[in-house]
Protein backbone atom coordinates (compact mmCIF):
# COMPACT_ATOMS: atom_id res chain seq x y z
CA MET A 1 -31.37 -11.02 -10.08
CA ALA A 2 -29.51 -8.45 -7.98
CA SER A 3 -28.53 -11.19 -5.55
CA ASP A 4 -27.00 -13.28 -8.37
CA SER A 5 -25.11 -10.20 -9.61
CA ASN A 6 -23.73 -9.52 -6.13
CA LYS A 7 -22.61 -13.15 -5.82
CA LYS A 8 -20.94 -13.00 -9.22
CA ASN A 9 -19.10 -9.79 -8.31
CA ALA A 10 -17.99 -11.29 -4.99
CA ILE A 11 -16.69 -14.43 -6.72
CA VAL A 12 -14.82 -12.39 -9.35
CA SER A 13 -13.28 -10.25 -6.60
CA ILE A 14 -12.15 -13.34 -4.66
CA LEU A 15 -10.62 -14.94 -7.74
CA GLU A 16 -8.81 -11.71 -8.65
CA ASP A 17 -7.34 -11.56 -5.15
CA LEU A 18 -6.16 -15.17 -5.45
CA THR A 19 -4.39 -14.77 -8.79
CA HIS A 20 -1.13 -13.80 -7.12
CA LEU A 21 0.70 -13.99 -3.84
CA GLN A 22 3.32 -11.49 -2.68
CA ILE A 23 5.65 -11.83 0.31
CA ASP A 24 7.69 -8.81 1.38
CA THR A 25 10.48 -8.80 3.95
CA ILE A 26 11.42 -5.41 5.34
CA ILE A 27 14.02 -4.11 7.77
CA LYS A 28 12.74 -1.49 10.15
CA LYS A 29 14.37 0.57 12.90
CA GLY A 30 12.60 0.65 16.26
CA MET A 31 10.34 -2.30 15.45
CA THR A 32 7.09 -2.39 17.44
CA ALA A 33 4.18 -4.79 17.51
CA ALA A 34 1.59 -2.04 17.22
CA ASP A 35 -1.40 -2.88 15.04
CA PRO A 36 -2.68 -0.45 12.39
CA PRO A 37 -5.26 2.03 13.75
CA GLU A 38 -8.82 0.74 13.78
CA ARG A 39 -10.25 3.86 12.15
CA THR A 40 -9.38 4.25 8.47
CA GLU A 41 -9.27 8.00 8.99
CA GLU A 42 -6.50 7.70 11.59
CA LEU A 43 -4.62 5.13 9.53
CA LEU A 44 -4.47 7.56 6.61
CA PHE A 45 -3.44 10.43 8.88
CA ARG A 46 -0.54 8.46 10.35
CA LEU A 47 0.64 7.15 6.99
CA HIS A 48 0.52 10.65 5.53
CA ALA A 49 2.58 11.92 8.48
CA ARG A 50 5.19 9.19 7.86
CA TYR A 51 5.39 10.12 4.19
CA VAL A 52 5.85 13.83 4.97
CA CYS A 53 8.65 13.02 7.44
CA LYS A 54 10.29 10.71 4.93
CA MET A 55 10.21 13.41 2.27
CA LYS A 56 11.97 15.80 4.67
CA ASP A 57 14.60 13.11 5.35
CA ILE A 58 15.10 12.39 1.66
CA ILE A 59 15.70 16.07 0.89
CA ALA A 60 18.14 16.44 3.80
CA GLU A 61 20.02 13.16 3.31
CA ASN A 62 20.48 13.71 -0.42
CA ASP A 63 21.52 17.34 0.17
CA PHE A 64 18.93 18.77 -2.21
CA ASP A 65 18.56 22.54 -2.29
CA TYR A 66 14.79 22.17 -2.43
CA SER A 67 12.36 24.21 -0.34
CA PHE A 68 9.81 22.02 1.43
CA LYS A 69 7.53 23.21 4.22
CA ALA A 70 6.04 20.20 5.97
CA ALA A 71 3.54 22.35 7.88
CA GLN A 72 1.89 23.29 4.58
CA CYS A 73 1.64 19.69 3.40
CA ILE A 74 -1.57 18.69 5.17
CA THR A 75 -3.51 16.71 2.57
CA PHE A 76 -2.64 13.86 0.21
CA SER A 77 -3.26 16.36 -2.60
CA ASP A 78 -0.54 18.63 -1.14
CA LEU A 79 1.81 15.69 -0.73
CA LEU A 80 1.37 14.47 -4.31
CA PHE A 81 2.01 18.00 -5.60
CA GLN A 82 5.23 18.22 -3.54
CA LEU A 83 6.42 14.79 -4.66
CA LYS A 84 5.85 15.67 -8.32
CA SER A 85 7.55 19.02 -7.81
CA LEU A 86 10.58 17.33 -6.28
CA GLN A 87 10.75 14.94 -9.24
CA LEU A 88 10.70 17.92 -11.64
CA PHE A 89 13.39 19.63 -9.56
CA MET A 90 15.58 16.54 -9.83
CA ASP A 91 14.99 16.26 -13.58
CA ASP A 92 15.70 19.96 -14.21
CA ASN A 93 18.92 19.85 -12.20
CA ASN A 94 20.03 16.39 -13.34
CA LEU A 95 19.98 15.08 -9.76
CA ARG A 96 19.54 11.58 -8.42
CA MET A 97 18.68 10.35 -4.97
CA GLU A 98 20.01 7.26 -3.22
CA ASN A 99 18.45 4.11 -4.72
CA THR A 100 16.63 2.97 -1.60
CA ASP A 101 15.20 6.44 -1.09
CA TYR A 102 14.04 6.51 -4.69
CA MET A 103 12.17 3.22 -4.32
CA VAL A 104 10.30 4.63 -1.31
CA PHE A 105 9.80 7.90 -3.18
CA LEU A 106 8.10 6.05 -6.05
CA ARG A 107 6.02 4.06 -3.55
CA MET A 108 4.76 7.29 -1.99
CA ILE A 109 3.81 8.73 -5.38
CA ALA A 110 1.96 5.54 -6.33
CA PHE A 111 0.06 5.55 -3.03
CA CYS A 112 -0.96 9.21 -3.43
CA HIS A 113 -2.25 8.45 -6.91
CA SER A 114 -4.27 5.54 -5.51
CA ILE A 115 -5.77 7.85 -2.85
CA GLU A 116 -6.60 10.35 -5.60
CA SER A 117 -8.43 7.59 -7.46
CA LEU A 118 -10.25 6.38 -4.34
CA GLY A 119 -11.30 9.96 -3.62
CA ARG A 120 -13.53 9.88 -6.71
CA ARG A 121 -15.61 7.09 -5.20
CA ASP A 122 -18.62 7.89 -3.04
CA GLU A 123 -17.52 5.84 -0.02
CA PHE A 124 -14.29 7.83 0.18
CA LYS A 125 -16.04 11.19 0.31
CA ILE A 126 -16.24 12.94 3.65
CA LYS A 127 -19.58 12.32 5.35
CA GLU A 128 -19.74 15.79 6.87
CA ASP A 129 -18.99 17.46 3.51
CA PRO A 130 -19.24 15.29 0.35
CA GLN A 131 -17.50 18.03 -1.64
CA ILE A 132 -14.31 16.96 0.14
CA SER A 133 -12.70 13.57 -0.39
CA VAL A 134 -10.04 11.52 1.33
CA PHE A 135 -7.59 13.06 -1.17
CA THR A 136 -8.31 16.67 -0.21
CA VAL A 137 -9.41 16.51 3.44
CA LEU A 138 -7.22 18.11 6.13
CA LEU A 139 -5.88 14.94 7.70
CA ILE A 140 -4.80 16.61 10.93
CA ASN A 141 -8.52 16.73 11.80
CA TYR A 142 -8.95 12.95 11.45
CA GLU A 143 -10.91 12.76 14.73
CA GLU A 144 -13.47 15.23 13.42
CA PHE A 145 -14.38 13.71 10.06
CA THR A 146 -15.78 10.38 8.89
CA LEU A 147 -15.64 8.68 5.53
CA LYS A 148 -19.07 8.02 4.03
CA GLY A 149 -18.03 4.36 3.71
CA PRO A 150 -18.28 1.58 4.31
CA VAL A 151 -14.76 0.82 3.08
CA ALA A 152 -14.66 -2.56 1.35
CA THR A 153 -12.55 -5.25 3.01
CA LYS A 154 -10.36 -5.47 -0.09
CA GLU A 155 -9.55 -1.74 -0.04
CA LEU A 156 -9.03 -1.72 3.73
CA SER A 157 -6.60 -4.62 3.39
CA LYS A 158 -4.58 -2.66 0.81
CA LEU A 159 -4.48 0.40 3.06
CA LYS A 160 -3.29 -1.66 6.02
CA ARG A 161 -0.61 -3.27 3.88
CA SER A 162 0.64 0.18 2.85
CA PHE A 163 0.63 1.17 6.52
CA ASP A 164 2.68 -1.91 7.43
CA LEU A 165 5.23 -1.22 4.69
CA GLY A 166 5.35 2.46 5.59
CA VAL A 167 8.61 4.00 4.39
CA GLU A 168 10.76 0.96 5.15
CA LYS A 169 13.22 -0.71 2.82
CA ILE A 170 12.01 -3.96 1.25
CA VAL A 171 15.07 -6.22 1.15
CA MET A 172 13.40 -9.33 -0.29
CA GLN A 173 10.21 -9.81 -2.26
CA THR A 174 8.69 -12.93 -3.80
CA ARG A 175 5.70 -12.73 -6.12
CA ILE A 176 3.95 -15.94 -7.19
CA GLY A 177 1.32 -16.13 -9.94
CA ILE A 178 -1.45 -18.71 -10.00
CA ASP A 179 0.02 -19.94 -13.31
CA GLY A 180 3.19 -20.92 -11.47
CA ASP A 181 5.24 -17.91 -12.53
CA ILE A 182 7.58 -16.85 -9.70
CA VAL A 183 9.52 -13.58 -9.51
CA SER A 184 11.99 -12.91 -6.70
CA ARG A 185 13.54 -9.50 -6.06
CA ILE A 186 16.45 -8.79 -3.73
CA GLU A 187 17.61 -5.30 -2.80
CA GLU A 188 21.09 -4.76 -4.26
CA ASP A 189 22.89 -3.74 -1.07
CA PHE A 190 21.37 -6.68 0.80
CA ALA A 191 22.32 -9.06 -2.02
CA ASN A 192 25.95 -7.93 -1.71
CA LYS A 193 25.93 -8.61 2.04
CA PRO A 194 23.13 -11.14 2.65
CA ARG A 195 22.13 -12.22 6.16
CA GLN A 196 21.17 -15.87 6.43
CA LEU A 197 18.71 -15.18 9.24
CA ILE A 198 16.71 -12.79 7.03
CA ILE A 199 16.81 -15.23 4.10
CA ASP A 200 15.60 -18.08 6.32
CA ILE A 201 12.75 -15.94 7.68
CA HIS A 202 11.69 -14.95 4.17
CA ASP A 203 11.78 -18.58 2.99
CA LYS A 204 9.72 -19.70 5.99
CA HIS A 205 7.11 -16.99 5.47
CA THR A 206 6.96 -17.82 1.75
CA LYS A 207 6.21 -21.47 2.53
CA LEU A 208 3.59 -20.59 5.16
CA SER A 209 1.95 -18.13 2.78
CA MET A 210 1.88 -20.67 -0.06
CA ASP A 211 0.26 -23.29 2.18
CA TYR A 212 -2.39 -20.80 3.28
CA TRP A 213 -2.87 -19.49 -0.27
CA ASN A 214 -3.32 -23.03 -1.57
CA SER A 215 -6.07 -23.70 0.98
CA LEU A 216 -7.83 -20.46 0.00
CA VAL A 217 -7.68 -21.33 -3.71
CA ASN A 218 -9.13 -24.78 -3.02
CA THR A 219 -11.90 -23.23 -0.91
CA ALA A 220 -12.75 -20.72 -3.65
CA VAL A 221 -12.83 -23.49 -6.29
CA ASN A 222 -15.16 -25.58 -4.12
CA ILE A 223 -17.50 -22.61 -3.55
CA VAL A 224 -17.67 -21.83 -7.26
CA GLY A 225 -18.21 -25.52 -8.05
CA GLU A 226 -21.11 -25.75 -5.61
CA ILE A 227 -22.76 -22.62 -7.05
CA PHE A 228 -22.59 -23.95 -10.61
CA SER A 229 -23.74 -27.43 -9.57
CA ARG A 230 -26.85 -25.92 -7.94
CA LYS A 231 -27.70 -24.05 -11.13
CA ASN A 232 -27.40 -27.23 -13.16
């Protein structure tokens, strides 16, 4: 019975993952071919460090008179508090930040909230001290702590995607639903001065992704069909 339940959960998870396809094209300074860190703990540490640096840049570039001490922002809990505080500061003083910065700002808040949610799950507690979670652990000590884990492939894939996106500007995004609904988003500044090379790359990657996605959907349908045919 447990085996059937596990299979059902796995199938539902696969089908949920296949209900949409999203292709993002970003422009990044100093592009490298470095892969995400193997250890989830290091991946989170490095992404947190990027977010803290980006917050410093946002405050400086938008000339906000806001006090932010990066050295005291050493957990995702600290970072979320600072991001929310900056939002309140902007609201209270009727301030706005540059549009691209704001999109990244919202992305950072959303990611911190997702880490807060993951921190409630047992596998994202710290093995050495289960009272601490990935949301509250001192990330600078990433070599000295281990998540209880194991981290599911689905969650690890999301974390790696966030790492890949980092704090970069997404200039083109295409989202395709399994029902055929397609939504394309283009960053305003890029739309005003489009570069054909970037557009061609995005179109090529969209086609490649759709071909691969289609094969995955067909595979999932065949697997589900075989399971039901065996039961009958």
